Protein backbone atom coordinates (compact mmCIF):
# COMPACT_ATOMS: atom_id res chain seq x y z
CA MET A 1 -0.08 -0.02 -0.04
CA VAL A 2 1.66 3.24 -1.21
CA VAL A 3 0.68 7.02 -0.87
CA PRO A 4 1.72 9.37 -3.24
CA GLU A 5 4.01 12.43 -2.19
CA LEU A 6 2.42 15.24 -0.16
CA GLY A 7 2.22 17.74 -3.10
CA PRO A 8 0.05 15.59 -5.39
CA TRP A 9 -2.15 14.34 -2.32
CA ARG A 10 -2.82 17.74 -1.17
CA ALA A 11 -3.93 18.81 -4.82
CA ALA A 12 -6.20 15.35 -4.60
CA GLY A 13 -8.09 16.26 -1.45
CA PRO A 14 -11.46 18.13 -2.31
CA ARG A 15 -13.31 20.04 0.02
CA LEU A 16 -16.73 19.05 1.53
CA ALA A 17 -18.68 21.55 -0.87
CA ARG A 18 -17.57 19.07 -3.46
CA VAL A 19 -18.87 16.23 -1.56
CA ALA A 20 -22.13 17.57 -1.71
CA GLN A 21 -21.90 18.32 -5.39
CA LEU A 22 -20.86 14.67 -5.97
CA VAL A 23 -23.52 13.26 -4.06
CA LYS A 24 -26.51 15.12 -5.14
CA PRO A 25 -26.43 14.03 -9.02
CA HIS A 26 -25.81 10.21 -8.17
CA LEU A 27 -28.22 10.16 -5.03
CA THR A 28 -31.23 8.42 -6.86
CA ARG A 29 -28.99 6.08 -8.78
CA ILE A 30 -27.01 4.96 -5.64
CA ALA A 31 -30.42 4.52 -3.42
CA GLN A 32 -31.66 2.14 -6.36
CA ALA A 33 -28.71 0.11 -6.57
CA VAL A 34 -28.21 -0.28 -2.76
CA GLU A 35 -31.98 -1.18 -2.16
CA PRO A 36 -32.08 -4.70 -3.68
CA ARG A 37 -28.84 -5.65 -1.88
CA ALA A 38 -29.76 -4.04 1.44
CA ARG A 39 -30.28 -7.65 3.07
CA ARG A 40 -27.13 -8.89 1.75
CA ILE A 41 -25.35 -5.90 2.97
CA ALA A 42 -26.55 -5.84 6.42
CA GLY A 43 -25.45 -9.59 6.85
CA THR A 44 -21.91 -9.14 5.71
CA ALA A 45 -19.01 -9.87 7.98
CA ARG A 46 -16.96 -7.12 6.57
CA PRO A 47 -16.19 -4.83 9.76
CA GLY A 48 -17.28 -1.14 9.15
CA VAL A 49 -20.12 -1.88 6.78
CA THR A 50 -22.74 -2.44 9.38
CA ARG A 51 -21.11 0.33 11.43
CA ILE A 52 -21.91 2.70 8.79
CA THR A 53 -25.59 2.66 9.21
CA GLY A 54 -24.90 3.37 12.98
CA VAL A 55 -22.72 6.12 12.18
CA ALA A 56 -25.43 7.72 9.61
CA LYS A 57 -28.33 7.74 12.41
CA PRO A 58 -27.29 10.32 14.66
CA HIS A 59 -26.12 12.45 11.96
CA VAL A 60 -28.96 12.24 9.33
CA ALA A 61 -30.47 15.76 9.93
CA ARG A 62 -26.80 17.11 9.55
CA VAL A 63 -26.46 15.15 6.33
CA ALA A 64 -29.70 16.60 5.06
CA ARG A 65 -28.80 20.00 5.70
CA THR A 66 -25.48 19.33 4.02
CA VAL A 67 -26.54 17.65 0.88
CA ARG A 68 -30.07 18.81 0.36
CA PRO A 69 -31.27 15.73 -1.68
CA PRO A 70 -34.85 15.42 -3.18
CA TYR A 71 -35.86 13.20 -0.19
CA GLY A 72 -39.32 13.81 -0.85
CA ARG A 73 -39.23 11.93 -4.17
CA LEU A 74 -37.58 8.63 -2.32
CA THR A 75 -39.50 5.64 -1.02
CA THR A 76 -38.72 4.72 2.72
CA PRO A 77 -36.41 1.64 1.55
CA GLN A 78 -34.61 3.99 -0.67
CA LEU A 79 -34.31 6.69 2.21
CA ALA A 80 -32.71 4.04 4.35
CA ALA A 81 -30.01 3.40 1.62
CA VAL A 82 -29.47 6.95 1.12
CA ALA A 83 -28.93 7.14 4.79
CA ALA A 84 -26.36 4.64 4.95
CA THR A 85 -24.58 6.23 1.62
CA ALA A 86 -24.58 9.87 3.09
CA GLY A 87 -23.35 8.33 6.39
CA LEU A 88 -20.29 7.14 4.59
CA ALA A 89 -20.21 10.58 2.87
CA LEU A 90 -20.31 12.24 6.20
CA ALA A 91 -17.76 10.02 7.87
CA ALA A 92 -15.37 10.20 4.77
CA GLY A 93 -15.79 13.62 3.82
CA ALA A 94 -16.90 16.00 6.72
CA VAL A 95 -13.61 15.87 8.58
CA THR A 96 -9.83 15.44 7.87
CA ALA A 97 -8.66 12.99 5.17
CA ALA A 98 -8.30 9.45 6.42
CA GLY A 99 -5.24 8.65 4.52
CA PRO A 100 -3.42 6.69 3.27
CA TRP A 101 -4.59 7.39 -0.44
CA ASP A 102 -4.20 5.15 -3.39
CA SER A 103 -2.53 6.55 -6.72
CA SER A 104 -5.88 7.90 -7.80
CA GLY A 105 -6.18 9.97 -4.69
CA GLN A 106 -8.88 8.03 -3.32
CA ARG A 107 -8.68 7.08 0.45
CA THR A 108 -7.98 3.47 0.98
CA ALA A 109 -10.38 2.83 3.48
CA GLU A 110 -13.12 4.30 1.35
CA ARG A 111 -12.11 2.04 -1.59
CA ASP A 112 -11.95 -1.17 0.71
CA LEU A 113 -15.57 -0.37 2.13
CA ALA A 114 -16.89 0.24 -1.47
CA ALA A 115 -15.57 -3.37 -2.38
CA ALA A 116 -17.35 -4.72 0.49
CA TRP A 117 -20.72 -3.04 -0.63
CA ASP A 118 -20.40 -5.24 -3.99
CA ARG A 119 -20.57 -2.82 -6.86
CA GLN A 120 -21.39 0.28 -4.73
CA GLY A 121 -18.58 3.06 -4.77
CA GLY A 122 -15.65 3.71 -6.64
CA ALA A 123 -13.20 6.64 -7.36
CA ASP A 124 -14.88 9.73 -8.60
CA HIS A 125 -12.15 12.49 -9.23
CA GLY A 126 -13.38 13.97 -12.45
CA ALA A 127 -11.95 11.51 -14.74
CA GLY A 128 -15.30 9.59 -15.57
CA THR A 129 -16.00 5.93 -15.02
CA ALA A 130 -16.29 2.76 -17.15
CA ALA A 131 -19.64 1.43 -18.20
CA ASN A 132 -19.07 -1.61 -15.93
CA ALA A 133 -17.27 0.31 -13.10
CA PRO A 134 -18.87 0.83 -9.45
CA ALA A 135 -20.94 3.80 -8.80
CA PRO A 136 -18.81 6.56 -7.87
CA ALA A 137 -18.49 7.27 -4.04
CA PRO A 138 -18.23 10.74 -2.71
CA SER A 139 -14.50 11.93 -2.52
CA ALA A 140 -12.72 12.65 0.92
CA ALA A 141 -12.34 16.22 2.21
CA SER A 142 -8.91 17.79 2.83
CA VAL A 143 -7.23 16.81 6.01
CA LEU A 144 -7.39 20.27 7.55
CA VAL A 145 -10.85 20.99 6.08
CA ALA A 146 -11.87 22.30 9.85
CA LEU A 147 -9.22 24.93 10.05
CA GLY A 148 -10.48 27.01 7.33
CA GLY A 149 -14.06 26.38 6.82
CA ALA A 150 -17.30 27.86 8.40
CA THR A 151 -18.72 25.84 11.44
CA THR A 152 -22.06 25.00 12.23
CA LYS A 153 -23.08 26.07 15.95
CA SER A 154 -24.29 23.03 18.00
CA ALA A 155 -27.09 22.72 20.46
CA ALA A 156 -24.26 21.83 23.10
CA GLU A 157 -22.01 24.61 22.43
CA ASP A 158 -22.14 26.06 25.96
CA ARG A 159 -21.65 22.63 27.75
CA PRO A 160 -18.25 22.76 29.50
CA LEU A 161 -16.14 20.08 28.26
CA ALA A 162 -15.03 19.03 31.63
CA ALA A 163 -18.51 18.26 32.59
CA VAL A 164 -18.39 15.60 29.65
CA LEU A 165 -15.02 14.28 29.87
CA ASP A 166 -14.55 14.00 33.76
CA PRO A 167 -16.91 11.27 34.07
CA LEU A 168 -15.71 9.26 31.19
CA LEU A 169 -12.02 9.56 32.40
CA ARG A 170 -13.00 8.22 36.12
CA ASP A 171 -14.07 4.97 34.60
CA PRO A 172 -12.09 2.53 36.95
CA SER A 173 -11.17 0.34 33.96
CA LEU A 174 -8.70 2.94 33.13
CA GLY A 175 -6.55 2.06 35.98
CA THR A 176 -4.99 4.20 38.75
CA ARG A 177 -3.36 7.07 36.74
CA ARG A 178 -4.49 9.09 33.93
CA SER A 179 -3.45 12.23 31.93
CA ALA A 180 -5.65 13.94 29.17
CA ALA A 181 -5.48 17.20 27.41
CA VAL A 182 -7.71 18.64 24.51
CA VAL A 183 -6.59 21.51 22.16
CA ASP A 184 -8.42 23.40 19.55
CA VAL A 185 -5.77 23.05 16.74
CA ALA A 186 -6.88 26.32 14.85
CA THR A 187 -6.35 28.59 17.83
CA GLY A 188 -4.03 26.62 20.06
CA LYS A 189 -6.33 27.03 23.12
CA ARG A 190 -6.40 24.29 25.58
CA LEU A 191 -9.75 23.25 26.05
CA TYR A 192 -9.46 20.41 28.71
CA ALA A 193 -6.60 19.33 30.90
CA LYS A 194 -6.23 16.61 33.45
CA GLY A 195 -2.61 16.06 34.77
CA ALA A 196 -1.56 17.07 31.16
CA ASP A 197 1.73 17.94 32.43
CA ASP A 198 2.54 14.62 34.29
CA ALA A 199 4.77 12.32 32.22
CA LEU A 200 3.25 8.66 31.84
CA THR A 201 4.20 5.82 29.84
CA PRO A 202 3.13 6.55 26.35
CA ALA A 203 3.44 2.95 24.67
CA SER A 204 3.01 3.25 20.89
CA THR A 205 1.86 7.14 20.95
CA THR A 206 5.59 7.63 21.09
CA LYS A 207 5.49 6.99 17.36
CA ILE A 208 3.89 10.51 16.99
CA ALA A 209 6.97 11.90 18.37
CA THR A 210 9.43 9.68 16.28
CA ALA A 211 7.37 10.76 13.11
CA VAL A 212 7.73 14.58 13.85
CA ALA A 213 11.31 14.27 14.69
CA ALA A 214 12.31 12.27 11.60
CA LEU A 215 10.17 14.33 9.15
CA SER A 216 11.38 17.76 10.47
CA ALA A 217 15.03 16.44 10.56
CA ALA A 218 15.35 14.43 7.00
CA GLY A 219 12.37 16.15 5.17
CA ALA A 220 9.16 14.63 4.03
CA ASP A 221 10.75 13.63 0.47
CA HIS A 222 13.74 11.84 1.78
CA ARG A 223 14.39 8.42 0.68
CA PHE A 224 16.47 5.39 1.75
CA THR A 225 18.86 3.74 -0.69
CA THR A 226 19.83 0.23 -0.87
CA ARG A 227 22.84 -0.48 -2.90
CA ALA A 228 24.98 -3.00 -4.68
CA VAL A 229 28.50 -2.18 -5.09
CA LEU A 230 31.65 -3.86 -6.45
CA GLU A 231 35.06 -3.41 -5.15
CA PRO A 232 37.84 -2.36 -7.47
CA GLY A 233 40.12 -5.04 -9.13
CA GLY A 234 38.14 -8.20 -8.40
CA ASP A 235 34.77 -9.98 -7.93
CA HIS A 236 33.99 -8.70 -4.45
CA LEU A 237 30.20 -7.59 -4.38
CA VAL A 238 28.91 -5.94 -1.37
CA LEU A 239 25.05 -5.47 -0.58
CA VAL A 240 24.91 -2.12 1.43
CA GLY A 241 21.98 -1.34 3.77
CA GLY A 242 20.62 2.01 3.63
CA GLY A 243 18.49 1.61 6.73
CA ASP A 244 15.42 1.09 4.85
CA PRO A 245 12.86 -0.64 7.09
CA THR A 246 10.34 -1.25 4.22
CA LEU A 247 12.62 -3.13 1.75
CA THR A 248 10.92 -6.26 0.37
CA ALA A 249 11.82 -9.46 -1.29
CA ARG A 250 8.12 -10.40 -2.08
CA GLU A 251 7.00 -10.41 -5.68
CA GLN A 252 4.20 -8.09 -4.88
CA THR A 253 5.88 -5.10 -3.57
CA GLY A 254 3.06 -2.72 -2.94
CA GLY A 255 5.58 -0.02 -4.40
CA TRP A 256 7.99 -0.39 -1.77
CA ALA A 257 11.85 -0.82 -2.51
CA SER A 258 12.43 -4.40 -3.99
CA LEU A 259 15.53 -6.69 -3.36
CA ARG A 260 14.32 -8.63 -6.51
CA THR A 261 14.78 -5.42 -8.53
CA LEU A 262 18.03 -4.80 -7.11
CA ALA A 263 19.17 -8.28 -7.83
CA ASP A 264 17.78 -7.93 -11.49
CA ASP A 265 19.75 -4.83 -12.03
CA THR A 266 22.84 -6.13 -10.12
CA ALA A 267 22.97 -9.23 -12.50
CA ALA A 268 22.59 -7.25 -15.61
CA ALA A 269 25.60 -4.88 -14.49
CA LEU A 270 27.61 -7.99 -13.63
CA ARG A 271 26.98 -9.65 -16.94
CA THR A 272 28.19 -6.32 -18.62
CA ARG A 273 31.48 -6.87 -16.85
CA HIS A 274 31.47 -10.62 -18.01
CA LEU A 275 31.29 -11.46 -14.21
CA THR A 276 29.33 -14.72 -13.60
CA SER A 277 30.60 -15.63 -10.11
CA VAL A 278 31.22 -13.03 -7.02
CA THR A 279 32.28 -13.14 -3.48
CA LEU A 280 29.15 -11.59 -1.58
CA SER A 281 29.18 -9.73 1.43
CA TYR A 282 26.78 -7.50 3.13
CA ASP A 283 27.29 -3.91 4.71
CA THR A 284 25.40 -3.09 7.95
CA SER A 285 27.70 -0.32 9.19
CA LEU A 286 25.22 2.52 8.68
CA PHE A 287 23.64 1.73 12.27
CA THR A 288 25.65 1.29 15.37
CA GLY A 289 24.85 -0.22 18.81
CA PRO A 290 23.28 -3.16 19.97
CA ALA A 291 20.71 -4.56 17.41
CA LEU A 292 18.37 -6.07 20.21
CA HIS A 293 16.07 -3.96 21.93
CA PRO A 294 16.06 -4.01 25.75
CA ILE A 295 12.70 -6.01 25.71
CA GLY A 296 14.69 -8.74 24.26
CA VAL A 297 13.56 -11.36 21.44
CA ASN A 298 9.99 -10.37 20.82
CA ASP A 299 7.57 -11.12 17.98
CA ASN A 300 6.89 -7.10 17.88
CA LEU A 301 10.36 -6.14 16.52
CA ALA A 302 13.21 -7.78 14.87
CA PRO A 303 16.75 -6.93 15.49
CA VAL A 304 17.16 -3.55 14.30
CA THR A 305 19.83 -3.43 11.45
CA ALA A 306 20.48 -1.07 8.42
CA LEU A 307 19.71 -4.22 6.09
CA MET A 308 16.57 -6.25 6.27
CA ALA A 309 13.94 -7.65 3.97
CA ASP A 310 10.26 -7.75 4.96
CA GLU A 311 11.10 -6.70 8.58
CA GLY A 312 12.92 -10.14 9.23
CA ARG A 313 9.38 -11.66 9.23
CA THR A 314 9.40 -15.62 8.80
CA ASP A 315 5.70 -15.78 7.58
CA ASP A 316 3.80 -13.94 4.94
CA THR A 317 2.52 -11.04 7.30
CA SER A 318 3.37 -7.61 6.52
CA SER A 319 2.35 -5.92 10.07
CA GLY A 320 1.62 -6.65 13.56
CA PRO A 321 3.43 -9.31 15.67
CA ALA A 322 5.10 -12.31 13.67
CA PRO A 323 8.12 -14.55 14.46
CA ARG A 324 11.28 -12.85 13.25
CA GLY A 325 14.79 -14.26 12.22
CA THR A 326 17.68 -13.61 14.71
CA ASP A 327 19.82 -12.10 11.99
CA PRO A 328 17.61 -10.13 9.33
CA ALA A 329 20.84 -8.93 7.55
CA ALA A 330 22.23 -12.26 6.82
CA ASP A 331 18.94 -13.47 5.72
CA ALA A 332 18.61 -10.43 3.24
CA ALA A 333 21.84 -11.27 1.94
CA ARG A 334 21.37 -15.02 1.68
CA THR A 335 18.01 -14.22 -0.11
CA PHE A 336 19.85 -11.60 -2.55
CA ALA A 337 22.37 -14.43 -3.46
CA ARG A 338 19.31 -16.81 -4.46
CA LEU A 339 18.12 -14.32 -6.42
CA LEU A 340 21.29 -13.72 -8.38
CA GLN A 341 21.73 -17.25 -8.84
CA GLY A 342 18.31 -17.35 -10.56
CA HIS A 343 20.27 -15.23 -13.04
CA GLY A 344 23.18 -17.26 -13.53
CA ILE A 345 25.37 -15.36 -10.87
CA LYS A 346 27.26 -17.67 -8.60
CA THR A 347 27.96 -16.25 -5.27
CA SER A 348 29.86 -17.20 -2.06
CA GLN A 349 28.07 -17.68 1.32
CA PRO A 350 27.53 -14.01 2.17
CA ASP A 351 29.52 -12.58 5.11
CA PRO A 352 29.46 -9.24 6.70
CA ALA A 353 32.10 -6.76 5.50
CA LYS A 354 32.16 -2.89 5.11
CA ALA A 355 32.29 -1.66 1.70
CA THR A 356 35.09 0.75 0.64
CA ALA A 357 34.90 4.21 -0.45
CA ARG A 358 36.37 3.04 -3.76
CA ALA A 359 33.70 0.53 -4.48
CA GLU A 360 31.70 1.05 -7.81
CA ALA A 361 27.92 1.56 -7.54
CA LEU A 362 26.32 -1.31 -9.73
CA ALA A 363 22.54 -0.70 -8.82
CA SER A 364 20.39 0.86 -6.26
CA VAL A 365 16.98 0.88 -5.14
CA GLN A 366 14.99 3.67 -3.20
CA SER A 367 12.16 3.47 -0.50
CA PRO A 368 9.09 5.77 -1.15
CA PRO A 369 9.34 9.13 0.26
CA LEU A 370 9.59 9.35 3.96
CA SER A 371 6.12 10.71 4.29
CA ALA A 372 4.71 7.54 2.87
CA VAL A 373 7.12 5.68 5.27
CA VAL A 374 5.83 7.67 8.15
CA GLU A 375 2.15 7.00 7.37
CA ARG A 376 2.72 3.17 7.18
CA MET A 377 4.48 3.30 10.62
CA LEU A 378 1.60 5.21 12.21
CA THR A 379 -1.30 3.43 10.59
CA ASN A 380 0.14 -0.05 11.40
CA SER A 381 2.18 0.96 14.73
CA ASP A 382 5.05 -0.61 13.00
CA ASN A 383 7.94 -0.73 15.43
CA ASP A 384 10.50 -1.88 13.21
CA ILE A 385 9.90 1.37 10.97
CA ALA A 386 9.75 3.35 14.06
CA GLU A 387 13.14 2.33 15.37
CA ALA A 388 14.77 2.62 11.95
CA LEU A 389 13.42 6.19 11.85
CA ALA A 390 14.95 6.97 15.25
CA ARG A 391 18.21 6.26 13.77
CA GLN A 392 17.69 7.94 10.78
CA THR A 393 16.58 11.04 12.70
CA ALA A 394 20.15 10.74 14.42
CA LEU A 395 21.96 10.30 11.02
CA ALA A 396 20.16 13.41 9.72
CA THR A 397 21.40 15.47 12.86
CA GLY A 398 24.90 14.34 13.47
CA GLY A 399 24.13 11.63 16.25
CA SER A 400 24.58 8.29 16.88
CA PRO A 401 22.43 5.91 14.79
CA SER A 402 21.80 3.45 17.78
CA PHE A 403 18.97 2.99 20.47
CA ASP A 404 20.49 5.70 22.91
CA GLY A 405 21.49 8.08 19.99
CA GLY A 406 18.03 7.85 18.27
CA ALA A 407 16.29 8.50 21.57
CA ALA A 408 18.42 11.54 22.36
CA ALA A 409 17.91 13.04 18.59
CA ILE A 410 14.20 12.57 18.85
CA SER A 411 14.14 14.59 22.12
CA ALA A 412 16.61 17.09 20.78
CA GLN A 413 14.75 17.48 17.37
CA LEU A 414 11.75 18.21 19.37
CA LYS A 415 13.10 20.73 21.58
CA LYS A 416 14.63 22.27 18.52
CA LEU A 417 11.00 22.90 17.21
CA GLY A 418 9.91 24.60 20.45
CA LEU A 419 7.83 21.80 21.76
CA PRO A 420 7.04 21.22 25.30
CA VAL A 421 9.50 18.29 26.16
CA GLY A 422 9.82 19.08 29.89
CA GLY A 423 9.34 15.70 31.92
CA SER A 424 9.57 13.56 28.71
CA GLU A 425 12.10 10.79 28.35
CA PHE A 426 12.96 8.82 25.14
CA HIS A 427 14.65 5.41 25.42
CA ASP A 428 13.65 4.13 21.93
CA GLY A 429 11.53 5.22 18.88
CA SER A 430 8.82 2.75 19.03
CA GLY A 431 7.43 2.97 22.67
CA LEU A 432 8.20 -0.47 23.50
CA ASP A 433 10.42 0.61 26.20
CA ARG A 434 8.42 1.15 29.69
CA ASP A 435 10.75 3.64 30.73
CA ASP A 436 9.67 6.13 27.90
CA ARG A 437 7.69 9.14 29.44
CA LEU A 438 5.65 11.59 27.58
CA THR A 439 2.92 14.26 28.57
CA ALA A 440 -0.51 14.73 27.33
CA ASP A 441 0.76 18.35 26.73
CA LEU A 442 3.44 17.16 24.44
CA LEU A 443 1.28 15.00 22.49
CA THR A 444 -1.39 17.39 21.70
CA ALA A 445 1.46 20.01 20.81
CA LEU A 446 2.91 17.51 18.31
CA LEU A 447 -0.47 17.10 16.62
CA GLU A 448 -1.02 20.79 16.48
CA THR A 449 2.31 21.26 15.09
CA ALA A 450 1.71 19.03 12.23
CA ALA A 451 -1.41 20.79 11.34
CA SER A 452 0.38 24.03 11.25
CA PRO A 453 0.79 25.97 7.94
CA SER A 454 4.15 26.67 8.95
CA HIS A 455 5.06 22.91 9.00
CA PRO A 456 3.79 21.25 5.75
CA GLU A 457 6.54 18.94 6.01
CA LEU A 458 4.79 17.25 8.89
CA ARG A 459 1.28 16.66 7.47
CA ALA A 460 1.98 12.88 7.03
CA VAL A 461 1.72 12.60 10.96
CA LEU A 462 -1.92 13.31 10.56
CA THR A 463 -2.60 11.49 7.46
CA GLY A 464 -1.17 8.46 8.76
CA LEU A 465 -3.01 8.39 11.84
CA PRO A 466 -5.53 5.20 12.06
CA VAL A 467 -9.20 5.94 11.28
CA ALA A 468 -11.60 4.75 13.76
CA GLY A 469 -13.31 1.53 12.29
CA PHE A 470 -11.53 1.66 9.03
CA THR A 471 -7.42 1.49 9.14
CA GLY A 472 -4.64 0.04 10.96
CA THR A 473 -4.90 -0.45 14.71
CA LEU A 474 -8.27 1.25 14.78
CA SER A 475 -9.75 -1.04 12.23
CA ASP A 476 -11.27 -3.19 14.71
CA ARG A 477 -12.43 -0.83 17.27
CA TYR A 478 -15.35 1.35 17.64
CA ALA A 479 -17.70 -1.64 16.87
CA ASP A 480 -20.07 -0.98 19.87
CA ALA A 481 -22.65 1.38 19.80
CA ALA A 482 -21.44 3.62 22.47
CA GLU A 483 -18.46 4.34 20.21
CA HIS A 484 -20.24 4.39 16.86
CA SER A 485 -20.34 8.34 16.65
CA GLY A 486 -16.42 8.00 16.29
CA VAL A 487 -16.42 5.63 13.30
CA GLY A 488 -14.64 7.53 10.52
CA LEU A 489 -14.30 10.55 12.53
CA VAL A 490 -11.52 9.74 15.09
CA ARG A 491 -8.23 9.46 13.78
CA ALA A 492 -5.74 8.49 16.55
CA LYS A 493 -2.69 6.77 17.36
CA THR A 494 -3.15 3.70 19.65
CA GLY A 495 -0.73 2.79 22.46
CA SER A 496 -0.89 -0.64 24.36
CA LEU A 497 1.55 -2.34 26.89
CA THR A 498 0.57 -4.40 30.01
CA GLY A 499 -1.57 -2.22 32.20
CA ILE A 500 -0.82 0.86 29.68
CA ASN A 501 -3.30 2.16 27.68
CA THR A 502 -3.13 5.43 25.31
CA LEU A 503 -4.77 6.94 22.49
CA ALA A 504 -3.92 10.55 20.74
CA GLY A 505 -5.08 11.95 17.70
CA THR A 506 -7.45 14.54 15.99
CA VAL A 507 -11.35 14.67 15.68
CA VAL A 508 -13.59 17.44 14.34
CA ASP A 509 -16.45 18.23 16.77
CA ALA A 510 -20.06 18.93 16.17
CA ASP A 511 -19.21 22.57 15.68
CA GLY A 512 -16.52 21.85 12.90
CA HIS A 513 -13.49 22.54 15.12
CA LEU A 514 -10.55 20.37 14.86
CA LEU A 515 -9.41 19.18 18.15
CA ALA A 516 -6.29 17.48 19.04
CA PHE A 517 -6.33 15.04 22.07
CA ALA A 518 -4.22 12.77 24.21
CA PHE A 519 -5.24 10.33 26.78
CA LEU A 520 -2.78 8.43 28.73
CA THR A 521 -3.62 5.72 31.63
CA GLU A 522 -1.62 3.34 33.64
CA GLY A 523 -2.57 0.71 35.90
CA SER A 524 -5.39 -1.02 34.22
CA MET A 525 -6.08 -4.66 34.80
CA ASP A 526 -8.38 -5.23 31.67
CA GLN A 527 -7.09 -4.02 28.42
CA THR A 528 -10.27 -4.69 26.65
CA THR A 529 -12.50 -2.56 28.70
CA ALA A 530 -9.79 0.26 29.27
CA ARG A 531 -9.53 0.38 25.22
CA THR A 532 -13.48 0.59 24.93
CA ALA A 533 -13.10 3.48 27.77
CA LEU A 534 -10.75 5.53 25.73
CA ASP A 535 -12.55 4.86 22.37
CA ARG A 536 -15.88 6.12 24.01
CA THR A 537 -14.06 9.32 25.32
CA ALA A 538 -12.57 10.06 21.91
CA ALA A 539 -16.00 9.54 20.19
CA THR A 540 -17.54 11.85 22.52
CA LEU A 541 -15.42 14.50 21.35
CA ALA A 542 -16.78 13.94 17.76
CA SER A 543 -20.47 14.38 18.91
CA CYS A 544 -20.03 17.13 21.24
CA GLY A 545 -19.77 20.89 20.44
CA CYS A 546 -18.65 21.45 24.11
CA ARG A 547 -16.19 24.32 24.81
């Protein structure tokens, strides 16, 4: 899954007004197509499909005011079908862009949901559709739509936010300690605080800090390069790791850098030099320090090295916990050797060796831009990417590319940006280290900075956040009725360790204000109920016009 660079992405993100114009001419046709399939759709196991009706119900009045369809000409069953479709439009378009985007500029979540609806919903971005193509679904709106658009006053606008959130955050399932903050992104005004300056264990919400540090230090367009070089005067070939955690050896690359392509190009270059047999080495010298995280051998993270393919996974997964090889660099080099042998190039058993400055470049492959890598890290809560980005931050700022050096570089980079790092402690880039400490104040400040017009290079921090009920680590959450109002509206990074549950992200409230929030809790004895309590709290922000 690959996202385009930020420039084309911003151009692809239409405003809410365009959503309304797209929905109106297709409304009757969509209703007629949906009606005969209503029973089949209602029974599907696809997550999110049955949730959409739940999302639509509390917002039908708002949708009617926005879209203004000719409801008077529709039958009751058609109206129900339209409500579900309009609910998708609201969830997809009334707030920030869900990200990631496919090559046409359509949200991947929108596309996947459209597929679950049989022939309902395809991309519609002004290019027309084929006769046998799915009916177009509304386009998603810009990620920062709420910052510049007019707002609609809610009936609950005078209700104090503390009166709404305090009871929710007192839920005993959240444990013994909690810290919370809510900020209006447009104004920077703190709307709610509960121990917001207390530093708690952030778990994977640490990745928001890692993302901001890496993007600001290296740039959104930075790419990681994996190379094959030939030492002078002989047949010594060296595979040089460039610290790309997304390098893949699979046939279906998803747009990520391909070890197969590197082998193809390297073999072609060797043949032009009349070399059919080489001594193969691999270079991991870009990163330093211990490769194993302090948590030890763990399915959540491979040994951190500058050279790996498919994150050292020994199964066919691409995200989440999985068995890992004990030496991902050696495994990648052996895979590279097999690929070369498939082109008739014989190799020795690969051994570690550092390439010299005199080595001749034969071939190279590059990762997608850092913006895309950051989105993948945040959406899937990818620990391997996070630890690589911590080291890349250190490299970009002259630090040591190790666990300690990466952590120090993240802290220094955030301080350079003027962010409130007081009380924070970084020991890694992923949040797996229980000694990490962050405040709710810092997390909301990170999100606010990522939305700032003065920091467009950080926008991937927002577009990469998982979308409630749709993508990444929030795809299977917000399923219960109490959290339905957050589906498609809450965008947040999750965090979970034993006894630790956190959630930090953005939401547009009922008045159209873009809010950044952070909830950190410690001491929970039941992770499932604690997660549900946090989801309910964030969903309440989406439906509330409280100030």
